[in-house]
Amino acid sequence: MKPENIKVACSNCNLRELCMPVGLGPGELQRIDDLVATRRKVRRREMLFRDGEPFTSLYAIRTGVFKTRVASEDGRDQVTGFQMAGEIIGLDGIVNDQHTCDAVALEDSEVCVMPFHRIEELSREVTALQRHVHQIMSREIVREHGVMLLLGSMRAEERLAAFLLNLVQRLHARGFSRSELVLRMTREEIGSYLGLKLETVSRTLSKFAADGIVEVEQRNVRIVGPEALRRIVNSPGG
């Protein structure tokens, strides 16, 4: 890839505030730009990395949506997360220098490849970057804790309501609608992530539609009653 194409990766990227530190000076921004070794296109259903592969880089998602998955004991795939533009993927590999899950594109996507040894080198000199990497890792820990609570204590309606609210909130932070979203993942993948059967996801979504909380047309979802979804999530005795 030509250097001038790499140049726009960070300093002129409209997702910069989501995946890179804010408040950097021009010189520091230039150095952050230099972190991006290349951009990589990943076609729908292709893997960005596989479970067991050596860990070399973190990836900032420029466009598209990914899912991470692990194989469960019975051989089925367990979805562990969905990642979208502006988010960093690949943190699972830091601990043992190898990836512990598969990352699969749910649509044609593009990522910025950031070699981890260069992140470590630069983090020692640009403290804002070091702090930012720690924040990203902390956010991932908080997210996993939230998922554990979700799976451990919530009823099906609460799980799906929390999932939809989280998804639309993340999309809104990227400049998308506060109420409309396109589900890039299948209902089966949502069920795998939430610990629900496919039929339960479909039935619960239909109930939300019947109650006038959402409108559903295939993968297009419009949240008509966000407050109703919040009440479901926060309902006592759930």
Protein backbone atom coordinates (compact mmCIF):
# COMPACT_ATOMS: atom_id res chain seq x y z
CA MET A 1 0.00 0.00 0.00
CA LYS A 2 1.29 3.50 -0.82
CA PRO A 3 2.40 5.63 2.17
CA GLU A 4 0.02 8.45 1.21
CA ASN A 5 -2.92 6.04 1.60
CA ILE A 6 -1.75 5.01 5.06
CA LYS A 7 -1.34 8.68 6.00
CA VAL A 8 -5.05 9.32 6.35
CA ALA A 9 -5.53 6.36 8.65
CA CYS A 10 -5.57 8.28 11.94
CA SER A 11 -5.16 12.05 11.72
CA ASN A 12 -7.94 12.48 9.15
CA CYS A 13 -10.07 9.50 10.12
CA ASN A 14 -13.61 10.32 11.24
CA LEU A 15 -13.38 7.50 13.81
CA ARG A 16 -10.22 8.87 15.41
CA GLU A 17 -11.89 9.93 18.65
CA LEU A 18 -13.39 6.48 19.07
CA CYS A 19 -10.25 4.38 18.70
CA MET A 20 -7.29 6.72 19.35
CA PRO A 21 -6.33 9.07 22.20
CA VAL A 22 -7.71 12.62 22.11
CA GLY A 23 -5.73 15.79 22.82
CA LEU A 24 -2.54 14.81 21.00
CA GLY A 25 -0.25 17.41 19.47
CA PRO A 26 0.63 17.36 15.74
CA GLY A 27 3.95 15.60 16.40
CA GLU A 28 2.30 12.91 18.53
CA LEU A 29 -0.47 12.45 15.95
CA GLN A 30 2.16 11.93 13.28
CA ARG A 31 3.71 9.19 15.39
CA ILE A 32 0.33 7.55 15.96
CA ASP A 33 -0.19 7.64 12.18
CA ASP A 34 3.03 5.70 11.81
CA LEU A 35 1.61 2.89 13.96
CA VAL A 36 -0.68 1.78 11.16
CA ALA A 37 1.36 -0.67 9.11
CA THR A 38 -1.33 -1.25 6.53
CA ARG A 39 -5.04 -1.54 5.99
CA ARG A 40 -6.59 -4.90 5.39
CA LYS A 41 -9.88 -5.73 3.69
CA VAL A 42 -11.77 -8.71 5.09
CA ARG A 43 -14.63 -10.13 3.06
CA ARG A 44 -17.90 -11.23 4.62
CA ARG A 45 -17.46 -14.59 6.44
CA GLU A 46 -13.66 -14.40 6.16
CA MET A 47 -11.52 -14.60 9.30
CA LEU A 48 -9.34 -11.76 10.49
CA PHE A 49 -7.53 -14.17 12.82
CA ARG A 50 -8.04 -17.69 14.17
CA ASP A 51 -7.93 -19.32 17.59
CA GLY A 52 -4.33 -20.46 18.22
CA GLU A 53 -2.72 -18.12 15.68
CA PRO A 54 0.36 -16.17 16.88
CA PHE A 55 -0.57 -12.71 18.16
CA THR A 56 1.23 -9.90 16.35
CA SER A 57 -1.17 -6.96 15.98
CA LEU A 58 -4.21 -5.14 17.23
CA TYR A 59 -6.81 -4.12 14.66
CA ALA A 60 -8.84 -0.91 14.56
CA ILE A 61 -12.05 -1.54 12.65
CA ARG A 62 -12.55 1.18 10.02
CA THR A 63 -15.69 -0.21 8.41
CA GLY A 64 -17.87 -3.26 8.95
CA VAL A 65 -18.83 -5.55 11.82
CA PHE A 66 -17.09 -8.62 13.25
CA LYS A 67 -18.03 -11.39 15.64
CA THR A 68 -15.64 -13.25 17.90
CA ARG A 69 -16.32 -16.90 18.68
CA VAL A 70 -14.87 -19.90 20.46
CA ALA A 71 -15.67 -23.60 20.02
CA SER A 72 -17.65 -24.96 22.97
CA GLU A 73 -17.08 -28.44 24.41
CA ASP A 74 -19.87 -29.93 22.31
CA GLY A 75 -18.24 -28.57 19.15
CA ARG A 76 -20.69 -25.73 18.53
CA ASP A 77 -19.59 -22.13 18.07
CA GLN A 78 -20.11 -19.81 21.03
CA VAL A 79 -20.28 -16.15 20.05
CA THR A 80 -18.32 -14.07 22.57
CA GLY A 81 -18.85 -10.59 21.14
CA PHE A 82 -19.71 -8.28 18.26
CA GLN A 83 -17.29 -5.50 17.29
CA MET A 84 -17.94 -2.54 15.01
CA ALA A 85 -16.21 0.45 13.40
CA GLY A 86 -14.13 2.49 15.83
CA GLU A 87 -13.49 -0.47 18.13
CA ILE A 88 -10.23 -2.36 18.66
CA ILE A 89 -10.11 -6.12 18.13
CA GLY A 90 -7.39 -8.64 18.94
CA LEU A 91 -6.84 -7.89 22.65
CA ASP A 92 -7.39 -11.59 23.46
CA GLY A 93 -3.91 -12.38 22.11
CA ILE A 94 -1.91 -10.20 24.48
CA VAL A 95 -1.84 -12.61 27.45
CA ASN A 96 -0.23 -15.67 25.84
CA ASP A 97 1.02 -14.23 22.54
CA GLN A 98 -1.62 -16.18 20.64
CA HIS A 99 -5.26 -15.60 19.82
CA THR A 100 -7.86 -17.41 21.92
CA CYS A 101 -10.82 -16.94 19.56
CA ASP A 102 -11.77 -16.57 15.90
CA ALA A 103 -12.70 -13.14 14.53
CA VAL A 104 -15.09 -13.37 11.57
CA ALA A 105 -16.38 -10.51 9.39
CA LEU A 106 -20.18 -10.30 9.31
CA GLU A 107 -20.01 -8.02 6.26
CA ASP A 108 -17.27 -6.73 3.97
CA SER A 109 -14.99 -4.85 6.35
CA GLU A 110 -11.70 -3.00 6.58
CA VAL A 111 -9.26 -2.80 9.48
CA CYS A 112 -6.14 -0.82 10.30
CA VAL A 113 -3.33 -3.20 11.27
CA MET A 114 -1.28 -1.95 14.25
CA PRO A 115 1.73 -4.18 15.11
CA PHE A 116 1.71 -4.61 18.89
CA HIS A 117 5.48 -4.23 19.34
CA ARG A 118 5.20 -0.77 17.79
CA ILE A 119 2.31 0.10 20.11
CA GLU A 120 4.45 -0.95 23.09
CA GLU A 121 7.44 1.06 21.89
CA LEU A 122 5.40 4.20 21.27
CA SER A 123 3.44 3.80 24.53
CA ARG A 124 6.67 4.29 26.46
CA GLU A 125 7.12 7.68 24.82
CA VAL A 126 3.53 8.93 24.35
CA THR A 127 1.85 8.47 27.73
CA ALA A 128 -1.59 9.31 26.29
CA LEU A 129 -1.33 6.21 24.07
CA GLN A 130 -0.36 3.99 27.00
CA ARG A 131 -3.32 5.29 29.01
CA HIS A 132 -5.62 4.78 26.02
CA VAL A 133 -4.52 1.14 25.57
CA HIS A 134 -5.17 0.55 29.28
CA GLN A 135 -8.63 2.12 28.93
CA ILE A 136 -9.43 -0.15 25.99
CA MET A 137 -8.36 -3.23 27.97
CA SER A 138 -10.33 -2.06 31.00
CA ARG A 139 -13.41 -1.50 28.84
CA GLU A 140 -13.10 -5.07 27.56
CA ILE A 141 -12.96 -6.41 31.13
CA VAL A 142 -16.04 -4.36 32.05
CA ARG A 143 -17.82 -5.63 28.92
CA GLU A 144 -17.08 -9.26 29.76
CA HIS A 145 -18.27 -8.70 33.33
CA GLY A 146 -21.48 -7.19 31.94
CA VAL A 147 -22.02 -10.21 29.69
CA MET A 148 -21.54 -12.56 32.65
CA LEU A 149 -24.21 -10.64 34.59
CA LEU A 150 -26.45 -10.68 31.53
CA LEU A 151 -26.19 -14.46 31.14
CA GLY A 152 -26.28 -15.19 34.84
CA SER A 153 -29.29 -13.30 36.09
CA MET A 154 -31.49 -11.96 33.30
CA ARG A 155 -34.59 -13.39 31.70
CA ALA A 156 -34.79 -13.69 27.91
CA GLU A 157 -36.69 -10.40 27.49
CA GLU A 158 -34.14 -8.53 29.61
CA ARG A 159 -31.20 -10.01 27.71
CA LEU A 160 -32.56 -9.03 24.30
CA ALA A 161 -33.67 -5.57 25.48
CA ALA A 162 -30.20 -4.90 26.93
CA PHE A 163 -28.57 -6.15 23.72
CA LEU A 164 -30.66 -3.87 21.47
CA LEU A 165 -30.08 -0.83 23.70
CA ASN A 166 -26.33 -1.45 23.79
CA LEU A 167 -26.16 -1.92 20.02
CA VAL A 168 -28.06 1.25 19.17
CA GLN A 169 -26.04 3.24 21.73
CA ARG A 170 -22.76 2.12 20.16
CA LEU A 171 -24.04 2.91 16.67
CA HIS A 172 -25.27 6.35 17.77
CA ALA A 173 -21.75 7.13 19.07
CA ARG A 174 -20.60 6.57 15.48
CA GLY A 175 -23.07 9.09 14.07
CA PHE A 176 -25.87 6.68 13.19
CA SER A 177 -29.52 6.90 14.15
CA ARG A 178 -30.52 6.77 17.80
CA SER A 179 -33.42 4.46 16.99
CA GLU A 180 -32.83 2.54 13.75
CA LEU A 181 -30.33 -0.24 13.13
CA VAL A 182 -29.58 -3.05 10.73
CA LEU A 183 -28.72 -6.33 12.46
CA ARG A 184 -25.54 -7.54 10.76
CA MET A 185 -25.68 -10.70 12.84
CA THR A 186 -28.26 -13.49 12.49
CA ARG A 187 -30.81 -14.27 15.18
CA GLU A 188 -28.92 -17.50 15.76
CA GLU A 189 -25.70 -15.55 16.42
CA ILE A 190 -27.56 -13.21 18.78
CA GLY A 191 -28.90 -16.27 20.61
CA SER A 192 -25.42 -17.77 20.88
CA TYR A 193 -24.11 -14.53 22.39
CA LEU A 194 -27.03 -14.11 24.81
CA GLY A 195 -27.29 -17.77 25.79
CA LEU A 196 -30.73 -18.14 24.18
CA LYS A 197 -32.19 -20.55 21.64
CA LEU A 198 -32.92 -19.22 18.16
CA GLU A 199 -36.66 -19.72 18.73
CA THR A 200 -36.51 -17.69 21.95
CA VAL A 201 -34.79 -14.77 20.20
CA SER A 202 -37.37 -14.78 17.40
CA ARG A 203 -40.30 -15.13 19.79
CA THR A 204 -39.05 -12.35 22.08
CA LEU A 205 -38.41 -10.00 19.16
CA SER A 206 -41.94 -10.73 17.89
CA LYS A 207 -43.34 -9.96 21.35
CA PHE A 208 -41.50 -6.63 21.41
CA ALA A 209 -43.01 -5.87 18.00
CA ALA A 210 -46.51 -6.89 19.11
CA ASP A 211 -46.17 -4.64 22.17
CA GLY A 212 -45.23 -1.70 19.93
CA ILE A 213 -41.72 -1.40 21.38
CA VAL A 214 -39.89 -2.17 18.13
CA GLU A 215 -40.69 -2.47 14.44
CA VAL A 216 -38.96 -5.33 12.65
CA GLU A 217 -38.60 -5.90 8.93
CA GLN A 218 -36.15 -8.72 8.31
CA ARG A 219 -32.83 -7.35 9.63
CA ASN A 220 -34.03 -3.76 9.95
CA VAL A 221 -35.06 -2.85 13.48
CA ARG A 222 -36.57 0.45 14.60
CA ILE A 223 -36.76 1.06 18.32
CA VAL A 224 -40.07 2.83 18.89
CA GLY A 225 -40.06 2.65 22.68
CA PRO A 226 -36.54 2.92 24.13
CA GLU A 227 -37.96 3.74 27.57
CA ALA A 228 -40.00 0.53 27.47
CA LEU A 229 -36.82 -1.43 26.69
CA ARG A 230 -35.06 0.26 29.62
CA ARG A 231 -37.95 -0.62 31.92
CA ILE A 232 -37.66 -4.27 30.85
CA VAL A 233 -33.92 -4.26 31.61
CA ASN A 234 -34.41 -2.58 34.99
CA SER A 235 -37.55 -4.47 35.98
CA PRO A 236 -37.48 -5.81 39.56
CA GLY A 237 -37.39 -9.55 40.03
CA GLY A 238 -35.53 -10.11 36.73
